[in-house]
């Protein structure tokens, strides 16, 4: 899976929780879930659970704590998929 495919999948997962549509339209690796997209902490947990389901991976607490923006989410997913 290349970077564009991964971002596309993450966008589908994140979309239902986004509070700032304009920031979502300009989503990039640098997009912060809380500061840019205005996603609250409860919805971040939902996103993490959805990521686990979508990619069939298990995220540890430390992975979850680091997953604050699109780039960190991509890095963690890639790392988990390599196993």
PDB file of N, CA and C in Angstrom:
ATOM      1  N   UNK A   1       0.845  -1.184   0.000  1.00  0.00           N
ATOM      2  CA  UNK A   1       0.000   0.000   0.000  1.00  0.00           C
ATOM      3  C   UNK A   1       0.889   1.245   0.000  1.00  0.00           C
ATOM      4  N   UNK A   2       0.638   2.131  -0.951  1.00  0.00           N
ATOM      5  CA  UNK A   2       1.473   3.331  -1.000  1.00  0.00           C
ATOM      6  C   UNK A   2       0.881   4.435  -0.116  1.00  0.00           C
ATOM      7  N   UNK A   3       1.611   5.541  -0.025  1.00  0.00           N
ATOM      8  CA  UNK A   3       1.233   6.621   0.870  1.00  0.00           C
ATOM      9  C   UNK A   3      -0.128   7.221   0.513  1.00  0.00           C
ATOM     10  N   UNK A   4      -0.397   7.399  -0.769  1.00  0.00           N
ATOM     11  CA  UNK A   4      -1.671   7.974  -1.195  1.00  0.00           C
ATOM     12  C   UNK A   4      -2.845   7.063  -0.829  1.00  0.00           C
ATOM     13  N   UNK A   5      -2.666   5.755  -1.008  1.00  0.00           N
ATOM     14  CA  UNK A   5      -3.716   4.802  -0.651  1.00  0.00           C
ATOM     15  C   UNK A   5      -3.976   4.814   0.853  1.00  0.00           C
ATOM     16  N   UNK A   6      -2.902   4.917   1.624  1.00  0.00           N
ATOM     17  CA  UNK A   6      -3.032   4.943   3.077  1.00  0.00           C
ATOM     18  C   UNK A   6      -3.753   6.218   3.523  1.00  0.00           C
ATOM     19  N   UNK A   7      -3.391   7.352   2.963  1.00  0.00           N
ATOM     20  CA  UNK A   7      -4.063   8.608   3.309  1.00  0.00           C
ATOM     21  C   UNK A   7      -5.549   8.530   2.927  1.00  0.00           C
ATOM     22  N   UNK A   8      -5.850   7.949   1.776  1.00  0.00           N
ATOM     23  CA  UNK A   8      -7.239   7.816   1.334  1.00  0.00           C
ATOM     24  C   UNK A   8      -8.050   6.977   2.328  1.00  0.00           C
ATOM     25  N   UNK A   9      -7.470   5.875   2.796  1.00  0.00           N
ATOM     26  CA  UNK A   9      -8.168   5.027   3.770  1.00  0.00           C
ATOM     27  C   UNK A   9      -8.351   5.763   5.090  1.00  0.00           C
ATOM     28  N   UNK A  10      -7.316   6.481   5.518  1.00  0.00           N
ATOM     29  CA  UNK A  10      -7.425   7.232   6.769  1.00  0.00           C
ATOM     30  C   UNK A  10      -8.490   8.326   6.661  1.00  0.00           C
ATOM     31  N   UNK A  11      -8.580   8.973   5.505  1.00  0.00           N
ATOM     32  CA  UNK A  11      -9.600  10.014   5.307  1.00  0.00           C
ATOM     33  C   UNK A  11     -11.002   9.432   5.476  1.00  0.00           C
ATOM     34  N   UNK A  12     -11.226   8.243   4.937  1.00  0.00           N
ATOM     35  CA  UNK A  12     -12.534   7.606   5.080  1.00  0.00           C
ATOM     36  C   UNK A  12     -12.861   7.315   6.548  1.00  0.00           C
ATOM     37  N   UNK A  13     -11.844   6.916   7.296  1.00  0.00           N
ATOM     38  CA  UNK A  13     -12.033   6.601   8.714  1.00  0.00           C
ATOM     39  C   UNK A  13     -12.285   7.877   9.521  1.00  0.00           C
ATOM     40  N   UNK A  14     -11.555   8.919   9.225  1.00  0.00           N
ATOM     41  CA  UNK A  14     -11.605  10.169   9.987  1.00  0.00           C
ATOM     42  C   UNK A  14     -12.857  10.993   9.668  1.00  0.00           C
ATOM     43  N   UNK A  15     -13.344  10.927   8.440  1.00  0.00           N
ATOM     44  CA  UNK A  15     -14.413  11.808   7.942  1.00  0.00           C
ATOM     45  C   UNK A  15     -15.622  11.966   8.876  1.00  0.00           C
ATOM     46  N   UNK A  16     -16.156  10.875   9.444  1.00  0.00           N
ATOM     47  CA  UNK A  16     -17.373  11.049  10.263  1.00  0.00           C
ATOM     48  C   UNK A  16     -17.155  11.880  11.538  1.00  0.00           C
ATOM     49  N   UNK A  17     -15.902  12.048  11.957  1.00  0.00           N
ATOM     50  CA  UNK A  17     -15.613  12.691  13.235  1.00  0.00           C
ATOM     51  C   UNK A  17     -15.114  14.135  13.096  1.00  0.00           C
ATOM     52  N   UNK A  18     -14.890  14.566  11.877  1.00  0.00           N
ATOM     53  CA  UNK A  18     -14.306  15.886  11.626  1.00  0.00           C
ATOM     54  C   UNK A  18     -15.287  17.006  11.973  1.00  0.00           C
ATOM     55  N   UNK A  19     -14.785  18.024  12.680  1.00  0.00           N
ATOM     56  CA  UNK A  19     -15.594  19.193  13.021  1.00  0.00           C
ATOM     57  C   UNK A  19     -15.251  20.403  12.152  1.00  0.00           C
ATOM     58  N   UNK A  20     -14.090  20.371  11.487  1.00  0.00           N
ATOM     59  CA  UNK A  20     -13.674  21.481  10.631  1.00  0.00           C
ATOM     60  C   UNK A  20     -13.534  20.970   9.200  1.00  0.00           C
ATOM     61  N   UNK A  21     -14.591  21.133   8.433  1.00  0.00           N
ATOM     62  CA  UNK A  21     -14.633  20.591   7.069  1.00  0.00           C
ATOM     63  C   UNK A  21     -13.572  21.216   6.160  1.00  0.00           C
ATOM     64  N   UNK A  22     -13.306  22.503   6.353  1.00  0.00           N
ATOM     65  CA  UNK A  22     -12.319  23.180   5.508  1.00  0.00           C
ATOM     66  C   UNK A  22     -10.927  22.569   5.715  1.00  0.00           C
ATOM     67  N   UNK A  23     -10.564  22.336   6.959  1.00  0.00           N
ATOM     68  CA  UNK A  23      -9.275  21.707   7.251  1.00  0.00           C
ATOM     69  C   UNK A  23      -9.232  20.286   6.683  1.00  0.00           C
ATOM     70  N   UNK A  24     -10.361  19.588   6.719  1.00  0.00           N
ATOM     71  CA  UNK A  24     -10.426  18.225   6.207  1.00  0.00           C
ATOM     72  C   UNK A  24     -10.189  18.197   4.700  1.00  0.00           C
ATOM     73  N   UNK A  25     -10.719  19.189   3.994  1.00  0.00           N
ATOM     74  CA  UNK A  25     -10.514  19.262   2.544  1.00  0.00           C
ATOM     75  C   UNK A  25      -9.035  19.391   2.195  1.00  0.00           C
ATOM     76  N   UNK A  26      -8.274  20.011   3.073  1.00  0.00           N
ATOM     77  CA  UNK A  26      -6.844  20.233   2.845  1.00  0.00           C
ATOM     78  C   UNK A  26      -5.977  19.253   3.625  1.00  0.00           C
ATOM     79  N   UNK A  27      -6.539  18.115   3.992  1.00  0.00           N
ATOM     80  CA  UNK A  27      -5.821  17.129   4.807  1.00  0.00           C
ATOM     81  C   UNK A  27      -4.498  16.732   4.167  1.00  0.00           C
ATOM     82  N   UNK A  28      -3.452  16.716   4.979  1.00  0.00           N
ATOM     83  CA  UNK A  28      -2.123  16.294   4.544  1.00  0.00           C
ATOM     84  C   UNK A  28      -1.474  15.531   5.693  1.00  0.00           C
ATOM     85  N   UNK A  29      -0.240  15.118   5.504  1.00  0.00           N
ATOM     86  CA  UNK A  29       0.477  14.416   6.564  1.00  0.00           C
ATOM     87  C   UNK A  29       0.631  15.284   7.803  1.00  0.00           C
ATOM     88  N   UNK A  30       0.645  16.596   7.627  1.00  0.00           N
ATOM     89  CA  UNK A  30       0.860  17.517   8.747  1.00  0.00           C
ATOM     90  C   UNK A  30      -0.423  17.860   9.495  1.00  0.00           C
ATOM     91  N   UNK A  31      -1.556  17.369   9.043  1.00  0.00           N
ATOM     92  CA  UNK A  31      -2.830  17.701   9.685  1.00  0.00           C
ATOM     93  C   UNK A  31      -2.917  17.070  11.065  1.00  0.00           C
ATOM     94  N   UNK A  32      -3.221  17.905  12.054  1.00  0.00           N
ATOM     95  CA  UNK A  32      -3.367  17.472  13.446  1.00  0.00           C
ATOM     96  C   UNK A  32      -4.847  17.159  13.691  1.00  0.00           C
ATOM     97  N   UNK A  33      -5.110  16.006  14.302  1.00  0.00           N
ATOM     98  CA  UNK A  33      -6.493  15.588  14.519  1.00  0.00           C
ATOM     99  C   UNK A  33      -7.264  16.550  15.425  1.00  0.00           C
ATOM    100  N   UNK A  34      -6.646  16.986  16.519  1.00  0.00           N
ATOM    101  CA  UNK A  34      -7.332  17.835  17.487  1.00  0.00           C
ATOM    102  C   UNK A  34      -7.296  19.299  17.080  1.00  0.00           C
ATOM    103  N   UNK A  35      -6.104  19.829  16.815  1.00  0.00           N
ATOM    104  CA  UNK A  35      -5.965  21.258  16.547  1.00  0.00           C
ATOM    105  C   UNK A  35      -6.525  21.676  15.195  1.00  0.00           C
ATOM    106  N   UNK A  36      -6.331  20.864  14.169  1.00  0.00           N
ATOM    107  CA  UNK A  36      -6.786  21.237  12.823  1.00  0.00           C
ATOM    108  C   UNK A  36      -8.211  20.772  12.527  1.00  0.00           C
ATOM    109  N   UNK A  37      -8.481  19.504  12.816  1.00  0.00           N
ATOM    110  CA  UNK A  37      -9.778  18.928  12.458  1.00  0.00           C
ATOM    111  C   UNK A  37     -10.815  19.060  13.568  1.00  0.00           C
ATOM    112  N   UNK A  38     -10.359  19.514  14.753  1.00  0.00           N
ATOM    113  CA  UNK A  38     -11.255  19.736  15.909  1.00  0.00           C
ATOM    114  C   UNK A  38     -11.953  18.451  16.360  1.00  0.00           C
ATOM    115  N   UNK A  39     -11.222  17.341  16.282  1.00  0.00           N
ATOM    116  CA  UNK A  39     -11.753  16.052  16.731  1.00  0.00           C
ATOM    117  C   UNK A  39     -11.529  15.948  18.235  1.00  0.00           C
ATOM    118  N   UNK A  40     -12.581  15.607  18.984  1.00  0.00           N
ATOM    119  CA  UNK A  40     -12.412  15.524  20.442  1.00  0.00           C
ATOM    120  C   UNK A  40     -11.794  14.181  20.854  1.00  0.00           C
ATOM    121  N   UNK A  41     -11.374  14.105  22.094  1.00  0.00           N
ATOM    122  CA  UNK A  41     -10.631  12.929  22.554  1.00  0.00           C
ATOM    123  C   UNK A  41     -11.464  11.652  22.496  1.00  0.00           C
ATOM    124  N   UNK A  42     -12.763  11.753  22.761  1.00  0.00           N
ATOM    125  CA  UNK A  42     -13.618  10.557  22.681  1.00  0.00           C
ATOM    126  C   UNK A  42     -13.667  10.034  21.251  1.00  0.00           C
ATOM    127  N   UNK A  43     -13.755  10.942  20.290  1.00  0.00           N
ATOM    128  CA  UNK A  43     -13.780  10.520  18.890  1.00  0.00           C
ATOM    129  C   UNK A  43     -12.423  10.018  18.427  1.00  0.00           C
ATOM    130  N   UNK A  44     -11.344  10.503  19.035  1.00  0.00           N
ATOM    131  CA  UNK A  44     -10.019   9.970  18.699  1.00  0.00           C
ATOM    132  C   UNK A  44      -9.954   8.490  19.030  1.00  0.00           C
ATOM    133  N   UNK A  45     -10.557   8.104  20.137  1.00  0.00           N
ATOM    134  CA  UNK A  45     -10.597   6.682  20.513  1.00  0.00           C
ATOM    135  C   UNK A  45     -11.366   5.893  19.457  1.00  0.00           C
ATOM    136  N   UNK A  46     -12.482   6.447  18.993  1.00  0.00           N
ATOM    137  CA  UNK A  46     -13.261   5.781  17.934  1.00  0.00           C
ATOM    138  C   UNK A  46     -12.428   5.618  16.667  1.00  0.00           C
ATOM    139  N   UNK A  47     -11.682   6.654  16.317  1.00  0.00           N
ATOM    140  CA  UNK A  47     -10.828   6.598  15.122  1.00  0.00           C
ATOM    141  C   UNK A  47      -9.791   5.504  15.274  1.00  0.00           C
ATOM    142  N   UNK A  48      -9.181   5.421  16.450  1.00  0.00           N
ATOM    143  CA  UNK A  48      -8.156   4.396  16.689  1.00  0.00           C
ATOM    144  C   UNK A  48      -8.770   3.002  16.565  1.00  0.00           C
ATOM    145  N   UNK A  49      -9.955   2.808  17.113  1.00  0.00           N
ATOM    146  CA  UNK A  49     -10.626   1.505  16.993  1.00  0.00           C
ATOM    147  C   UNK A  49     -10.951   1.190  15.540  1.00  0.00           C
ATOM    148  N   UNK A  50     -11.386   2.206  14.798  1.00  0.00           N
ATOM    149  CA  UNK A  50     -11.684   2.016  13.376  1.00  0.00           C
ATOM    150  C   UNK A  50     -10.426   1.680  12.583  1.00  0.00           C
ATOM    151  N   UNK A  51      -9.308   2.307  12.934  1.00  0.00           N
ATOM    152  CA  UNK A  51      -8.028   2.009  12.273  1.00  0.00           C
ATOM    153  C   UNK A  51      -7.627   0.561  12.544  1.00  0.00           C
ATOM    154  N   UNK A  52      -7.792   0.122  13.791  1.00  0.00           N
ATOM    155  CA  UNK A  52      -7.472  -1.272  14.119  1.00  0.00           C
ATOM    156  C   UNK A  52      -8.310  -2.231  13.266  1.00  0.00           C
ATOM    157  N   UNK A  53      -9.597  -1.944  13.145  1.00  0.00           N
ATOM    158  CA  UNK A  53     -10.478  -2.814  12.359  1.00  0.00           C
ATOM    159  C   UNK A  53     -10.123  -2.790  10.880  1.00  0.00           C
ATOM    160  N   UNK A  54      -9.925  -1.597  10.335  1.00  0.00           N
ATOM    161  CA  UNK A  54      -9.667  -1.443   8.903  1.00  0.00           C
ATOM    162  C   UNK A  54      -8.392  -2.162   8.473  1.00  0.00           C
ATOM    163  N   UNK A  55      -7.340  -2.042   9.280  1.00  0.00           N
ATOM    164  CA  UNK A  55      -6.043  -2.592   8.894  1.00  0.00           C
ATOM    165  C   UNK A  55      -5.733  -3.915   9.583  1.00  0.00           C
ATOM    166  N   UNK A  56      -6.673  -4.411  10.414  1.00  0.00           N
ATOM    167  CA  UNK A  56      -6.499  -5.668  11.134  1.00  0.00           C
ATOM    168  C   UNK A  56      -5.188  -5.668  11.921  1.00  0.00           C
ATOM    169  N   UNK A  57      -5.024  -4.614  12.732  1.00  0.00           N
ATOM    170  CA  UNK A  57      -3.831  -4.478  13.573  1.00  0.00           C
ATOM    171  C   UNK A  57      -4.285  -4.218  15.006  1.00  0.00           C
ATOM    172  N   UNK A  58      -3.357  -4.359  15.956  1.00  0.00           N
ATOM    173  CA  UNK A  58      -3.628  -4.038  17.358  1.00  0.00           C
ATOM    174  C   UNK A  58      -2.714  -2.906  17.770  1.00  0.00           C
ATOM    175  N   UNK A  59      -3.299  -1.851  18.308  1.00  0.00           N
ATOM    176  CA  UNK A  59      -2.516  -0.697  18.737  1.00  0.00           C
ATOM    177  C   UNK A  59      -2.363  -0.710  20.251  1.00  0.00           C
ATOM    178  N   UNK A  60      -1.134  -0.532  20.709  1.00  0.00           N
ATOM    179  CA  UNK A  60      -0.848  -0.462  22.136  1.00  0.00           C
ATOM    180  C   UNK A  60      -1.161   0.948  22.635  1.00  0.00           C
ATOM    181  N   UNK A  61      -1.224   1.112  23.963  1.00  0.00           N
ATOM    182  CA  UNK A  61      -1.495   2.437  24.534  1.00  0.00           C
ATOM    183  C   UNK A  61      -0.491   3.474  24.062  1.00  0.00           C
ATOM    184  N   UNK A  62       0.791   3.102  23.994  1.00  0.00           N
ATOM    185  CA  UNK A  62       1.794   4.086  23.564  1.00  0.00           C
ATOM    186  C   UNK A  62       1.602   4.475  22.104  1.00  0.00           C
ATOM    187  N   UNK A  63       1.122   3.550  21.269  1.00  0.00           N
ATOM    188  CA  UNK A  63       0.806   3.885  19.870  1.00  0.00           C
ATOM    189  C   UNK A  63      -0.317   4.921  19.837  1.00  0.00           C
ATOM    190  N   UNK A  64      -1.326   4.692  20.659  1.00  0.00           N
ATOM    191  CA  UNK A  64      -2.482   5.580  20.688  1.00  0.00           C
ATOM    192  C   UNK A  64      -2.092   6.984  21.144  1.00  0.00           C
ATOM    193  N   UNK A  65      -1.208   7.056  22.142  1.00  0.00           N
ATOM    194  CA  UNK A  65      -0.771   8.347  22.662  1.00  0.00           C
ATOM    195  C   UNK A  65       0.001   9.139  21.617  1.00  0.00           C
ATOM    196  N   UNK A  66       0.675   8.452  20.708  1.00  0.00           N
ATOM    197  CA  UNK A  66       1.476   9.116  19.685  1.00  0.00           C
ATOM    198  C   UNK A  66       0.656   9.492  18.449  1.00  0.00           C
ATOM    199  N   UNK A  67      -0.537   8.934  18.320  1.00  0.00           N
ATOM    200  CA  UNK A  67      -1.324   9.114  17.107  1.00  0.00           C
ATOM    201  C   UNK A  67      -2.111  10.429  17.170  1.00  0.00           C
ATOM    202  N   UNK A  68      -1.402  11.531  16.985  1.00  0.00           N
ATOM    203  CA  UNK A  68      -2.011  12.847  17.125  1.00  0.00           C
ATOM    204  C   UNK A  68      -2.222  13.559  15.799  1.00  0.00           C
ATOM    205  N   UNK A  69      -1.561  13.075  14.748  1.00  0.00           N
ATOM    206  CA  UNK A  69      -1.709  13.701  13.436  1.00  0.00           C
ATOM    207  C   UNK A  69      -1.667  12.627  12.356  1.00  0.00           C
ATOM    208  N   UNK A  70      -1.901  13.030  11.140  1.00  0.00           N
ATOM    209  CA  UNK A  70      -1.978  12.074  10.040  1.00  0.00           C
ATOM    210  C   UNK A  70      -0.654  11.344   9.846  1.00  0.00           C
ATOM    211  N   UNK A  71       0.461  12.064   9.912  1.00  0.00           N
ATOM    212  CA  UNK A  71       1.773  11.433   9.698  1.00  0.00           C
ATOM    213  C   UNK A  71       2.052  10.360  10.749  1.00  0.00           C
ATOM    214  N   UNK A  72       1.809  10.668  12.021  1.00  0.00           N
ATOM    215  CA  UNK A  72       2.070   9.669  13.068  1.00  0.00           C
ATOM    216  C   UNK A  72       1.143   8.464  12.898  1.00  0.00           C
ATOM    217  N   UNK A  73      -0.102   8.697  12.504  1.00  0.00           N
ATOM    218  CA  UNK A  73      -1.019   7.578  12.266  1.00  0.00           C
ATOM    219  C   UNK A  73      -0.504   6.702  11.131  1.00  0.00           C
ATOM    220  N   UNK A  74      -0.044   7.342  10.051  1.00  0.00           N
ATOM    221  CA  UNK A  74       0.492   6.590   8.912  1.00  0.00           C
ATOM    222  C   UNK A  74       1.717   5.776   9.323  1.00  0.00           C
ATOM    223  N   UNK A  75       2.626   6.409  10.061  1.00  0.00           N
ATOM    224  CA  UNK A  75       3.852   5.725  10.482  1.00  0.00           C
ATOM    225  C   UNK A  75       3.537   4.505  11.344  1.00  0.00           C
ATOM    226  N   UNK A  76       2.599   4.662  12.269  1.00  0.00           N
ATOM    227  CA  UNK A  76       2.240   3.560  13.165  1.00  0.00           C
ATOM    228  C   UNK A  76       1.560   2.432  12.406  1.00  0.00           C
ATOM    229  N   UNK A  77       0.657   2.764  11.498  1.00  0.00           N
ATOM    230  CA  UNK A  77      -0.022   1.734  10.694  1.00  0.00           C
ATOM    231  C   UNK A  77       1.002   0.970   9.847  1.00  0.00           C
ATOM    232  N   UNK A  78       1.882   1.688   9.189  1.00  0.00           N
ATOM    233  CA  UNK A  78       2.911   1.046   8.351  1.00  0.00           C
ATOM    234  C   UNK A  78       3.778   0.116   9.201  1.00  0.00           C
ATOM    235  N   UNK A  79       4.185   0.608  10.369  1.00  0.00           N
ATOM    236  CA  UNK A  79       5.025  -0.206  11.264  1.00  0.00           C
ATOM    237  C   UNK A  79       4.296  -1.470  11.696  1.00  0.00           C
ATOM    238  N   UNK A  80       3.006  -1.358  12.046  1.00  0.00           N
ATOM    239  CA  UNK A  80       2.229  -2.519  12.492  1.00  0.00           C
ATOM    240  C   UNK A  80       1.984  -3.501  11.343  1.00  0.00           C
ATOM    241  N   UNK A  81       1.787  -2.982  10.135  1.00  0.00           N
ATOM    242  CA  UNK A  81       1.545  -3.875   9.007  1.00  0.00           C
ATOM    243  C   UNK A  81       2.793  -4.687   8.655  1.00  0.00           C
ATOM    244  N   UNK A  82       3.970  -4.090   8.907  1.00  0.00           N
ATOM    245  CA  UNK A  82       5.222  -4.825   8.660  1.00  0.00           C
ATOM    246  C   UNK A  82       5.391  -5.937   9.683  1.00  0.00           C
ATOM    247  N   UNK A  83       4.775  -5.735  10.856  1.00  0.00           N
ATOM    248  CA  UNK A  83       4.751  -6.744  11.911  1.00  0.00           C
ATOM    249  C   UNK A  83       6.075  -7.075  12.449  1.00  0.00           C
TER     250      UNK A  83
END
